[in-house]
Amino acid sequence: MHDIADLERRGVPGVFVASEVFVDAAQIQGEALGFQPERLFVEHPIQDRTDAEMAEIADKAVDQLIAKLTGN
């Protein structure tokens, strides 16, 4: 979250990406920082996924990520 806040201050759009178990933590940290970036949450868990499973998760998320980055 700190990295995205820094990027946004520099005029570079960013999106916070994490697995869905971190929804509440992201909200709390954003409130503490006074910054609510665009967010994208993917399936949990990520740990111990195969390459094929990770590619599937990424394929599902990429269009949403691009939309959030571009504001479309």
PDB file of N, CA and C in Angstrom:
ATOM      1  N   MET A   1       0.834  -1.188   0.000  1.00  0.00           N
ATOM      2  CA  MET A   1       0.000   0.000   0.000  1.00  0.00           C
ATOM      3  C   MET A   1       0.876   1.248   0.000  1.00  0.00           C
ATOM      4  N   HIS A   2       1.970   1.239   0.757  1.00  0.00           N
ATOM      5  CA  HIS A   2       2.861   2.396   0.777  1.00  0.00           C
ATOM      6  C   HIS A   2       3.446   2.670  -0.607  1.00  0.00           C
ATOM      7  N   ASP A   3       3.799   1.617  -1.323  1.00  0.00           N
ATOM      8  CA  ASP A   3       4.374   1.794  -2.663  1.00  0.00           C
ATOM      9  C   ASP A   3       3.373   2.443  -3.608  1.00  0.00           C
ATOM     10  N   ILE A   4       2.134   2.016  -3.540  1.00  0.00           N
ATOM     11  CA  ILE A   4       1.118   2.585  -4.427  1.00  0.00           C
ATOM     12  C   ILE A   4       0.851   4.041  -4.060  1.00  0.00           C
ATOM     13  N   ALA A   5       0.839   4.339  -2.772  1.00  0.00           N
ATOM     14  CA  ALA A   5       0.661   5.734  -2.347  1.00  0.00           C
ATOM     15  C   ALA A   5       1.794   6.589  -2.902  1.00  0.00           C
ATOM     16  N   ASP A   6       3.021   6.088  -2.850  1.00  0.00           N
ATOM     17  CA  ASP A   6       4.166   6.818  -3.382  1.00  0.00           C
ATOM     18  C   ASP A   6       4.035   7.010  -4.894  1.00  0.00           C
ATOM     19  N   LEU A   7       3.665   5.961  -5.604  1.00  0.00           N
ATOM     20  CA  LEU A   7       3.476   6.069  -7.057  1.00  0.00           C
ATOM     21  C   LEU A   7       2.416   7.105  -7.398  1.00  0.00           C
ATOM     22  N   GLU A   8       1.290   7.057  -6.700  1.00  0.00           N
ATOM     23  CA  GLU A   8       0.201   7.999  -6.962  1.00  0.00           C
ATOM     24  C   GLU A   8       0.660   9.440  -6.725  1.00  0.00           C
ATOM     25  N   ARG A   9       1.444   9.669  -5.676  1.00  0.00           N
ATOM     26  CA  ARG A   9       1.964  11.027  -5.417  1.00  0.00           C
ATOM     27  C   ARG A   9       2.845  11.499  -6.568  1.00  0.00           C
ATOM     28  N   ARG A  10       3.488  10.565  -7.252  1.00  0.00           N
ATOM     29  CA  ARG A  10       4.367  10.890  -8.383  1.00  0.00           C
ATOM     30  C   ARG A  10       3.607  10.953  -9.706  1.00  0.00           C
ATOM     31  N   GLY A  11       2.305  10.733  -9.663  1.00  0.00           N
ATOM     32  CA  GLY A  11       1.491  10.799 -10.866  1.00  0.00           C
ATOM     33  C   GLY A  11       1.429   9.505 -11.656  1.00  0.00           C
ATOM     34  N   VAL A  12       1.871   8.405 -11.044  1.00  0.00           N
ATOM     35  CA  VAL A  12       1.846   7.098 -11.701  1.00  0.00           C
ATOM     36  C   VAL A  12       0.670   6.311 -11.126  1.00  0.00           C
ATOM     37  N   PRO A  13      -0.275   5.917 -11.966  1.00  0.00           N
ATOM     38  CA  PRO A  13      -1.426   5.175 -11.438  1.00  0.00           C
ATOM     39  C   PRO A  13      -1.003   3.810 -10.896  1.00  0.00           C
ATOM     40  N   GLY A  14      -1.669   3.392  -9.842  1.00  0.00           N
ATOM     41  CA  GLY A  14      -1.375   2.095  -9.252  1.00  0.00           C
ATOM     42  C   GLY A  14      -2.642   1.424  -8.768  1.00  0.00           C
ATOM     43  N   VAL A  15      -2.565   0.127  -8.636  1.00  0.00           N
ATOM     44  CA  VAL A  15      -3.678  -0.674  -8.113  1.00  0.00           C
ATOM     45  C   VAL A  15      -3.112  -1.634  -7.092  1.00  0.00           C
ATOM     46  N   PHE A  16      -3.721  -1.683  -5.945  1.00  0.00           N
ATOM     47  CA  PHE A  16      -3.344  -2.605  -4.884  1.00  0.00           C
ATOM     48  C   PHE A  16      -3.952  -3.971  -5.217  1.00  0.00           C
ATOM     49  N   VAL A  17      -3.113  -4.988  -5.332  1.00  0.00           N
ATOM     50  CA  VAL A  17      -3.580  -6.334  -5.648  1.00  0.00           C
ATOM     51  C   VAL A  17      -3.189  -7.261  -4.503  1.00  0.00           C
ATOM     52  N   ALA A  18      -4.168  -7.983  -3.986  1.00  0.00           N
ATOM     53  CA  ALA A  18      -3.927  -8.934  -2.901  1.00  0.00           C
ATOM     54  C   ALA A  18      -4.984 -10.024  -2.972  1.00  0.00           C
ATOM     55  N   SER A  19      -4.776 -11.072  -2.216  1.00  0.00           N
ATOM     56  CA  SER A  19      -5.810 -12.110  -2.184  1.00  0.00           C
ATOM     57  C   SER A  19      -6.947 -11.654  -1.271  1.00  0.00           C
ATOM     58  N   GLU A  20      -8.109 -12.223  -1.522  1.00  0.00           N
ATOM     59  CA  GLU A  20      -9.347 -11.745  -0.911  1.00  0.00           C
ATOM     60  C   GLU A  20      -9.382 -11.807   0.610  1.00  0.00           C
ATOM     61  N   VAL A  21      -8.513 -12.571   1.216  1.00  0.00           N
ATOM     62  CA  VAL A  21      -8.496 -12.645   2.673  1.00  0.00           C
ATOM     63  C   VAL A  21      -8.008 -11.322   3.292  1.00  0.00           C
ATOM     64  N   PHE A  22      -7.396 -10.458   2.472  1.00  0.00           N
ATOM     65  CA  PHE A  22      -6.836  -9.209   2.979  1.00  0.00           C
ATOM     66  C   PHE A  22      -7.735  -7.992   2.758  1.00  0.00           C
ATOM     67  N   VAL A  23      -8.995  -8.194   2.437  1.00  0.00           N
ATOM     68  CA  VAL A  23      -9.917  -7.075   2.212  1.00  0.00           C
ATOM     69  C   VAL A  23      -9.983  -6.160   3.428  1.00  0.00           C
ATOM     70  N   ASP A  24     -10.242  -6.717   4.596  1.00  0.00           N
ATOM     71  CA  ASP A  24     -10.358  -5.894   5.812  1.00  0.00           C
ATOM     72  C   ASP A  24      -9.042  -5.209   6.156  1.00  0.00           C
ATOM     73  N   ALA A  25      -7.935  -5.938   6.039  1.00  0.00           N
ATOM     74  CA  ALA A  25      -6.620  -5.370   6.357  1.00  0.00           C
ATOM     75  C   ALA A  25      -6.295  -4.204   5.425  1.00  0.00           C
ATOM     76  N   ALA A  26      -6.639  -4.334   4.154  1.00  0.00           N
ATOM     77  CA  ALA A  26      -6.388  -3.255   3.201  1.00  0.00           C
ATOM     78  C   ALA A  26      -7.209  -2.018   3.550  1.00  0.00           C
ATOM     79  N   GLN A  27      -8.442  -2.211   3.927  1.00  0.00           N
ATOM     80  CA  GLN A  27      -9.292  -1.083   4.312  1.00  0.00           C
ATOM     81  C   GLN A  27      -8.714  -0.369   5.534  1.00  0.00           C
ATOM     82  N   ILE A  28      -8.314  -1.138   6.528  1.00  0.00           N
ATOM     83  CA  ILE A  28      -7.770  -0.553   7.761  1.00  0.00           C
ATOM     84  C   ILE A  28      -6.472   0.190   7.478  1.00  0.00           C
ATOM     85  N   GLN A  29      -5.588  -0.418   6.688  1.00  0.00           N
ATOM     86  CA  GLN A  29      -4.327   0.249   6.389  1.00  0.00           C
ATOM     87  C   GLN A  29      -4.562   1.502   5.557  1.00  0.00           C
ATOM     88  N   GLY A  30      -5.470   1.432   4.609  1.00  0.00           N
ATOM     89  CA  GLY A  30      -5.791   2.613   3.823  1.00  0.00           C
ATOM     90  C   GLY A  30      -6.306   3.748   4.694  1.00  0.00           C
ATOM     91  N   GLU A  31      -7.152   3.427   5.641  1.00  0.00           N
ATOM     92  CA  GLU A  31      -7.666   4.446   6.563  1.00  0.00           C
ATOM     93  C   GLU A  31      -6.534   5.037   7.389  1.00  0.00           C
ATOM     94  N   ALA A  32      -5.620   4.194   7.848  1.00  0.00           N
ATOM     95  CA  ALA A  32      -4.489   4.672   8.650  1.00  0.00           C
ATOM     96  C   ALA A  32      -3.586   5.597   7.835  1.00  0.00           C
ATOM     97  N   LEU A  33      -3.440   5.304   6.545  1.00  0.00           N
ATOM     98  CA  LEU A  33      -2.596   6.126   5.673  1.00  0.00           C
ATOM     99  C   LEU A  33      -3.335   7.326   5.102  1.00  0.00           C
ATOM    100  N   GLY A  34      -4.662   7.334   5.247  1.00  0.00           N
ATOM    101  CA  GLY A  34      -5.449   8.402   4.638  1.00  0.00           C
ATOM    102  C   GLY A  34      -5.439   8.307   3.123  1.00  0.00           C
ATOM    103  N   PHE A  35      -5.396   7.077   2.627  1.00  0.00           N
ATOM    104  CA  PHE A  35      -5.257   6.828   1.200  1.00  0.00           C
ATOM    105  C   PHE A  35      -6.033   5.567   0.845  1.00  0.00           C
ATOM    106  N   GLN A  36      -6.925   5.666  -0.118  1.00  0.00           N
ATOM    107  CA  GLN A  36      -7.709   4.515  -0.546  1.00  0.00           C
ATOM    108  C   GLN A  36      -7.470   4.274  -2.038  1.00  0.00           C
ATOM    109  N   PRO A  37      -6.461   3.486  -2.367  1.00  0.00           N
ATOM    110  CA  PRO A  37      -6.164   3.240  -3.777  1.00  0.00           C
ATOM    111  C   PRO A  37      -7.197   2.320  -4.414  1.00  0.00           C
ATOM    112  N   GLU A  38      -7.147   2.259  -5.733  1.00  0.00           N
ATOM    113  CA  GLU A  38      -7.919   1.232  -6.421  1.00  0.00           C
ATOM    114  C   GLU A  38      -7.415  -0.117  -5.913  1.00  0.00           C
ATOM    115  N   ARG A  39      -8.315  -1.071  -5.808  1.00  0.00           N
ATOM    116  CA  ARG A  39      -7.955  -2.378  -5.263  1.00  0.00           C
ATOM    117  C   ARG A  39      -8.509  -3.486  -6.126  1.00  0.00           C
ATOM    118  N   LEU A  40      -7.783  -4.581  -6.128  1.00  0.00           N
ATOM    119  CA  LEU A  40      -8.232  -5.782  -6.817  1.00  0.00           C
ATOM    120  C   LEU A  40      -7.865  -6.965  -5.947  1.00  0.00           C
ATOM    121  N   PHE A  41      -8.861  -7.736  -5.596  1.00  0.00           N
ATOM    122  CA  PHE A  41      -8.628  -8.909  -4.760  1.00  0.00           C
ATOM    123  C   PHE A  41      -8.857 -10.171  -5.582  1.00  0.00           C
ATOM    124  N   VAL A  42      -7.925 -11.090  -5.477  1.00  0.00           N
ATOM    125  CA  VAL A  42      -7.976 -12.349  -6.217  1.00  0.00           C
ATOM    126  C   VAL A  42      -8.197 -13.499  -5.250  1.00  0.00           C
ATOM    127  N   GLU A  43      -8.408 -14.677  -5.821  1.00  0.00           N
ATOM    128  CA  GLU A  43      -8.673 -15.874  -5.018  1.00  0.00           C
ATOM    129  C   GLU A  43      -7.587 -16.122  -3.968  1.00  0.00           C
ATOM    130  N   HIS A  44      -8.006 -16.660  -2.865  1.00  0.00           N
ATOM    131  CA  HIS A  44      -7.101 -17.052  -1.790  1.00  0.00           C
ATOM    132  C   HIS A  44      -7.238 -18.561  -1.606  1.00  0.00           C
ATOM    133  N   PRO A  45      -6.211 -19.271  -1.297  1.00  0.00           N
ATOM    134  CA  PRO A  45      -4.832 -18.834  -1.084  1.00  0.00           C
ATOM    135  C   PRO A  45      -4.041 -18.799  -2.381  1.00  0.00           C
ATOM    136  N   ILE A  46      -2.938 -18.071  -2.343  1.00  0.00           N
ATOM    137  CA  ILE A  46      -1.998 -18.002  -3.458  1.00  0.00           C
ATOM    138  C   ILE A  46      -0.865 -19.005  -3.236  1.00  0.00           C
ATOM    139  N   GLN A  47      -0.479 -19.096  -1.990  1.00  0.00           N
ATOM    140  CA  GLN A  47       0.626 -19.993  -1.618  1.00  0.00           C
ATOM    141  C   GLN A  47       0.371 -21.413  -2.110  1.00  0.00           C
ATOM    142  N   ASP A  48       1.388 -22.039  -2.615  1.00  0.00           N
ATOM    143  CA  ASP A  48       1.365 -23.438  -3.056  1.00  0.00           C
ATOM    144  C   ASP A  48       0.517 -23.678  -4.300  1.00  0.00           C
ATOM    145  N   ARG A  49       0.198 -22.645  -5.054  1.00  0.00           N
ATOM    146  CA  ARG A  49      -0.513 -22.827  -6.320  1.00  0.00           C
ATOM    147  C   ARG A  49       0.486 -23.274  -7.386  1.00  0.00           C
ATOM    148  N   THR A  50       0.011 -24.033  -8.326  1.00  0.00           N
ATOM    149  CA  THR A  50       0.851 -24.414  -9.455  1.00  0.00           C
ATOM    150  C   THR A  50       0.968 -23.232 -10.412  1.00  0.00           C
ATOM    151  N   ASP A  51       1.913 -23.305 -11.326  1.00  0.00           N
ATOM    152  CA  ASP A  51       2.045 -22.250 -12.328  1.00  0.00           C
ATOM    153  C   ASP A  51       0.761 -22.106 -13.133  1.00  0.00           C
ATOM    154  N   ALA A  52       0.163 -23.233 -13.481  1.00  0.00           N
ATOM    155  CA  ALA A  52      -1.083 -23.196 -14.255  1.00  0.00           C
ATOM    156  C   ALA A  52      -2.200 -22.530 -13.459  1.00  0.00           C
ATOM    157  N   GLU A  53      -2.302 -22.813 -12.181  1.00  0.00           N
ATOM    158  CA  GLU A  53      -3.334 -22.190 -11.341  1.00  0.00           C
ATOM    159  C   GLU A  53      -3.095 -20.687 -11.216  1.00  0.00           C
ATOM    160  N   MET A  54      -1.838 -20.286 -11.073  1.00  0.00           N
ATOM    161  CA  MET A  54      -1.530 -18.859 -10.978  1.00  0.00           C
ATOM    162  C   MET A  54      -1.854 -18.147 -12.293  1.00  0.00           C
ATOM    163  N   ALA A  55      -1.558 -18.798 -13.405  1.00  0.00           N
ATOM    164  CA  ALA A  55      -1.890 -18.214 -14.704  1.00  0.00           C
ATOM    165  C   ALA A  55      -3.393 -18.040 -14.846  1.00  0.00           C
ATOM    166  N   GLU A  56      -4.167 -18.998 -14.363  1.00  0.00           N
ATOM    167  CA  GLU A  56      -5.628 -18.900 -14.426  1.00  0.00           C
ATOM    168  C   GLU A  56      -6.136 -17.734 -13.576  1.00  0.00           C
ATOM    169  N   ILE A  57      -5.576 -17.585 -12.387  1.00  0.00           N
ATOM    170  CA  ILE A  57      -5.961 -16.469 -11.518  1.00  0.00           C
ATOM    171  C   ILE A  57      -5.615 -15.142 -12.196  1.00  0.00           C
ATOM    172  N   ALA A  58      -4.431 -15.064 -12.776  1.00  0.00           N
ATOM    173  CA  ALA A  58      -4.011 -13.836 -13.466  1.00  0.00           C
ATOM    174  C   ALA A  58      -4.901 -13.548 -14.666  1.00  0.00           C
ATOM    175  N   ASP A  59      -5.218 -14.572 -15.427  1.00  0.00           N
ATOM    176  CA  ASP A  59      -6.090 -14.385 -16.589  1.00  0.00           C
ATOM    177  C   ASP A  59      -7.453 -13.828 -16.183  1.00  0.00           C
ATOM    178  N   LYS A  60      -7.968 -14.287 -15.054  1.00  0.00           N
ATOM    179  CA  LYS A  60      -9.266 -13.809 -14.571  1.00  0.00           C
ATOM    180  C   LYS A  60      -9.184 -12.349 -14.122  1.00  0.00           C
ATOM    181  N   ALA A  61      -8.010 -11.922 -13.655  1.00  0.00           N
ATOM    182  CA  ALA A  61      -7.880 -10.600 -13.044  1.00  0.00           C
ATOM    183  C   ALA A  61      -7.388  -9.514 -13.991  1.00  0.00           C
ATOM    184  N   VAL A  62      -6.737  -9.882 -15.079  1.00  0.00           N
ATOM    185  CA  VAL A  62      -6.032  -8.882 -15.888  1.00  0.00           C
ATOM    186  C   VAL A  62      -6.962  -7.812 -16.468  1.00  0.00           C
ATOM    187  N   ASP A  63      -8.116  -8.175 -16.952  1.00  0.00           N
ATOM    188  CA  ASP A  63      -9.018  -7.157 -17.508  1.00  0.00           C
ATOM    189  C   ASP A  63      -9.491  -6.176 -16.437  1.00  0.00           C
ATOM    190  N   GLN A  64      -9.779  -6.700 -15.263  1.00  0.00           N
ATOM    191  CA  GLN A  64     -10.179  -5.828 -14.152  1.00  0.00           C
ATOM    192  C   GLN A  64      -9.025  -4.897 -13.757  1.00  0.00           C
ATOM    193  N   LEU A  65      -7.825  -5.417 -13.742  1.00  0.00           N
ATOM    194  CA  LEU A  65      -6.658  -4.632 -13.381  1.00  0.00           C
ATOM    195  C   LEU A  65      -6.443  -3.497 -14.384  1.00  0.00           C
ATOM    196  N   ILE A  66      -6.511  -3.810 -15.646  1.00  0.00           N
ATOM    197  CA  ILE A  66      -6.341  -2.785 -16.686  1.00  0.00           C
ATOM    198  C   ILE A  66      -7.436  -1.717 -16.565  1.00  0.00           C
ATOM    199  N   ALA A  67      -8.667  -2.137 -16.327  1.00  0.00           N
ATOM    200  CA  ALA A  67      -9.763  -1.187 -16.175  1.00  0.00           C
ATOM    201  C   ALA A  67      -9.527  -0.253 -14.992  1.00  0.00           C
ATOM    202  N   LYS A  68      -9.045  -0.791 -13.898  1.00  0.00           N
ATOM    203  CA  LYS A  68      -8.789   0.037 -12.718  1.00  0.00           C
ATOM    204  C   LYS A  68      -7.631   1.003 -12.967  1.00  0.00           C
ATOM    205  N   LEU A  69      -6.617   0.553 -13.696  1.00  0.00           N
ATOM    206  CA  LEU A  69      -5.475   1.412 -13.999  1.00  0.00           C
ATOM    207  C   LEU A  69      -5.840   2.539 -14.946  1.00  0.00           C
ATOM    208  N   THR A  70      -6.725   2.269 -15.863  1.00  0.00           N
ATOM    209  CA  THR A  70      -7.075   3.257 -16.887  1.00  0.00           C
ATOM    210  C   THR A  70      -8.328   4.049 -16.571  1.00  0.00           C
ATOM    211  N   GLY A  71      -9.060   3.636 -15.532  1.00  0.00           N
ATOM    212  CA  GLY A  71     -10.295   4.322 -15.185  1.00  0.00           C
ATOM    213  C   GLY A  71     -11.455   3.993 -16.085  1.00  0.00           C
ATOM    214  N   ASN A  72     -11.360   2.854 -16.782  1.00  0.00           N
ATOM    215  CA  ASN A  72     -12.446   2.449 -17.701  1.00  0.00           C
ATOM    216  C   ASN A  72     -13.310   1.389 -17.094  1.00  0.00           C
TER     217      ASN A  72
END
